[in-house]
């Protein structure tokens, strides 16, 4: 697996809002190998609650921008209300969908096209963390 740069960032917490359990499990295992921790949620309500509790600890947020499109747009706005500087990476199978375009207009830090490889995830997280 080719991962660019040194991504071992210590105990950075990554927050993933993703309805697919298999993707979350795979991401958790991969991120742990590189020194990250993963907090995850399936839906908007759970995500907002968890983000409020852990906003100070969360380094990067990953949001699936296609699943429950309206809810994901609301989630993105809620996260930005809690923390205007939140670093959010949008993931989507359809980069032209309205939710993704709305998130892009409001400053997502990055985008991953689904299906993505775990190396793509690690590299994107590393780039977003390095940019700030």
Protein backbone atom coordinates (compact mmCIF):
# COMPACT_ATOMS: atom_id res chain seq x y z
CA UNK A 1 0.00 0.00 0.00
CA UNK A 2 1.43 3.38 -1.01
CA UNK A 3 0.62 6.19 1.39
CA UNK A 4 2.18 9.57 0.73
CA UNK A 5 4.13 11.27 3.48
CA UNK A 6 4.17 10.44 7.17
CA UNK A 7 0.56 10.09 8.26
CA UNK A 8 1.24 8.92 11.78
CA UNK A 9 -0.33 11.87 13.55
CA UNK A 10 -0.69 10.37 17.00
CA UNK A 11 -4.14 10.26 18.45
CA UNK A 12 -6.11 12.35 15.94
CA UNK A 13 -9.82 11.57 16.08
CA UNK A 14 -11.62 11.13 12.76
CA UNK A 15 -15.43 11.36 12.79
CA UNK A 16 -17.17 9.38 10.05
CA UNK A 17 -20.86 9.73 9.19
CA UNK A 18 -21.50 6.70 7.03
CA UNK A 19 -24.51 4.36 6.89
CA UNK A 20 -22.51 1.38 5.56
CA UNK A 21 -21.14 -0.64 8.48
CA UNK A 22 -18.61 -2.50 6.31
CA UNK A 23 -17.05 0.80 5.15
CA UNK A 24 -16.89 2.06 8.75
CA UNK A 25 -15.27 -1.17 9.99
CA UNK A 26 -12.68 -1.14 7.22
CA UNK A 27 -11.94 2.56 7.75
CA UNK A 28 -11.59 2.07 11.51
CA UNK A 29 -9.09 -0.77 11.05
CA UNK A 30 -7.06 1.14 8.48
CA UNK A 31 -7.05 4.41 10.41
CA UNK A 32 -5.95 2.64 13.61
CA UNK A 33 -2.95 1.20 11.78
CA UNK A 34 -1.83 4.76 11.10
CA UNK A 35 -2.40 6.05 14.62
CA UNK A 36 -5.85 7.57 14.21
CA UNK A 37 -9.02 6.87 16.18
CA UNK A 38 -12.46 6.66 14.59
CA UNK A 39 -15.77 7.85 15.98
CA UNK A 40 -18.74 7.05 13.77
CA UNK A 41 -22.43 7.72 13.36
CA UNK A 42 -25.10 6.43 10.97
CA UNK A 43 -27.57 9.29 10.83
CA UNK A 44 -27.88 13.03 11.28
CA UNK A 45 -29.36 12.98 14.78
CA UNK A 46 -26.67 10.69 16.17
CA UNK A 47 -23.95 12.60 14.30
CA UNK A 48 -24.95 16.03 15.66
CA UNK A 49 -25.17 14.67 19.20
CA UNK A 50 -21.74 13.03 18.99
CA UNK A 51 -20.18 16.04 17.28
CA UNK A 52 -21.45 18.37 20.03
CA UNK A 53 -19.88 16.11 22.68
CA UNK A 54 -16.54 15.65 20.89
CA UNK A 55 -16.08 18.75 18.69
CA UNK A 56 -12.90 19.79 20.51
CA UNK A 57 -11.32 16.36 19.96
CA UNK A 58 -12.36 15.76 16.33
CA UNK A 59 -9.66 16.57 13.78
CA UNK A 60 -11.54 15.68 10.57
CA UNK A 61 -15.15 14.84 9.67
CA UNK A 62 -16.05 12.49 6.81
CA UNK A 63 -19.62 12.82 5.52
CA UNK A 64 -21.24 10.58 2.92
CA UNK A 65 -22.87 13.31 0.80
CA UNK A 66 -25.22 11.06 -1.19
CA UNK A 67 -26.96 8.98 1.42
CA UNK A 68 -29.99 10.91 2.78
CA UNK A 69 -28.98 13.95 0.77
CA UNK A 70 -31.14 16.50 2.58
CA UNK A 71 -30.04 15.22 5.99
CA UNK A 72 -26.37 15.35 5.02
CA UNK A 73 -26.64 18.97 3.92
CA UNK A 74 -28.32 19.82 7.23
CA UNK A 75 -25.63 17.86 9.06
CA UNK A 76 -22.86 19.76 7.31
CA UNK A 77 -24.48 23.08 8.27
CA UNK A 78 -25.00 21.92 11.88
CA UNK A 79 -21.35 20.92 12.18
CA UNK A 80 -20.29 24.30 10.81
CA UNK A 81 -22.58 26.05 13.31
CA UNK A 82 -20.96 24.15 16.18
CA UNK A 83 -17.46 24.66 14.79
CA UNK A 84 -17.06 27.07 11.85
CA UNK A 85 -13.50 25.80 11.32
CA UNK A 86 -14.47 22.13 11.11
CA UNK A 87 -12.46 20.25 8.50
CA UNK A 88 -14.97 18.21 6.51
CA UNK A 89 -14.26 15.70 3.73
CA UNK A 90 -17.27 14.81 1.57
CA UNK A 91 -17.58 11.35 0.07
CA UNK A 92 -20.00 10.52 -2.73
CA UNK A 93 -20.64 8.18 -5.64
CA UNK A 94 -22.12 11.12 -7.56
CA UNK A 95 -19.99 14.28 -7.33
CA UNK A 96 -22.60 16.31 -9.20
CA UNK A 97 -25.37 15.70 -6.67
CA UNK A 98 -26.90 18.74 -5.00
CA UNK A 99 -25.71 17.89 -1.50
CA UNK A 100 -22.11 17.64 -2.54
CA UNK A 101 -22.28 20.85 -4.57
CA UNK A 102 -23.84 22.65 -1.59
CA UNK A 103 -21.10 21.35 0.72
CA UNK A 104 -18.47 22.41 -1.81
CA UNK A 105 -19.87 25.95 -1.93
CA UNK A 106 -19.67 26.10 1.86
CA UNK A 107 -16.07 24.98 2.12
CA UNK A 108 -15.47 21.26 2.38
CA UNK A 109 -11.78 20.57 2.90
CA UNK A 110 -11.71 17.66 0.47
CA UNK A 111 -13.64 15.15 -1.59
CA UNK A 112 -13.36 11.39 -2.04
CA UNK A 113 -15.21 9.66 -4.86
CA UNK A 114 -16.79 6.36 -3.84
CA UNK A 115 -15.73 3.69 -3.99
CA UNK A 116 -12.39 4.91 -2.71
CA UNK A 117 -9.33 2.96 -1.71
CA UNK A 118 -8.16 3.11 1.87
CA UNK A 119 -4.92 4.69 0.66
CA UNK A 120 -7.03 7.49 -0.85
CA UNK A 121 -8.72 7.98 2.52
CA UNK A 122 -5.42 8.06 4.40
CA UNK A 123 -3.82 10.44 1.91
CA UNK A 124 -6.82 12.81 1.96
CA UNK A 125 -6.94 12.86 5.77
CA UNK A 126 -3.19 13.52 5.86
CA UNK A 127 -3.52 16.40 3.36
CA UNK A 128 -6.42 17.98 5.25
CA UNK A 129 -4.58 17.75 8.56
CA UNK A 130 -1.36 19.12 7.06
CA UNK A 131 -3.19 22.08 5.52
CA UNK A 132 -4.24 23.42 8.92
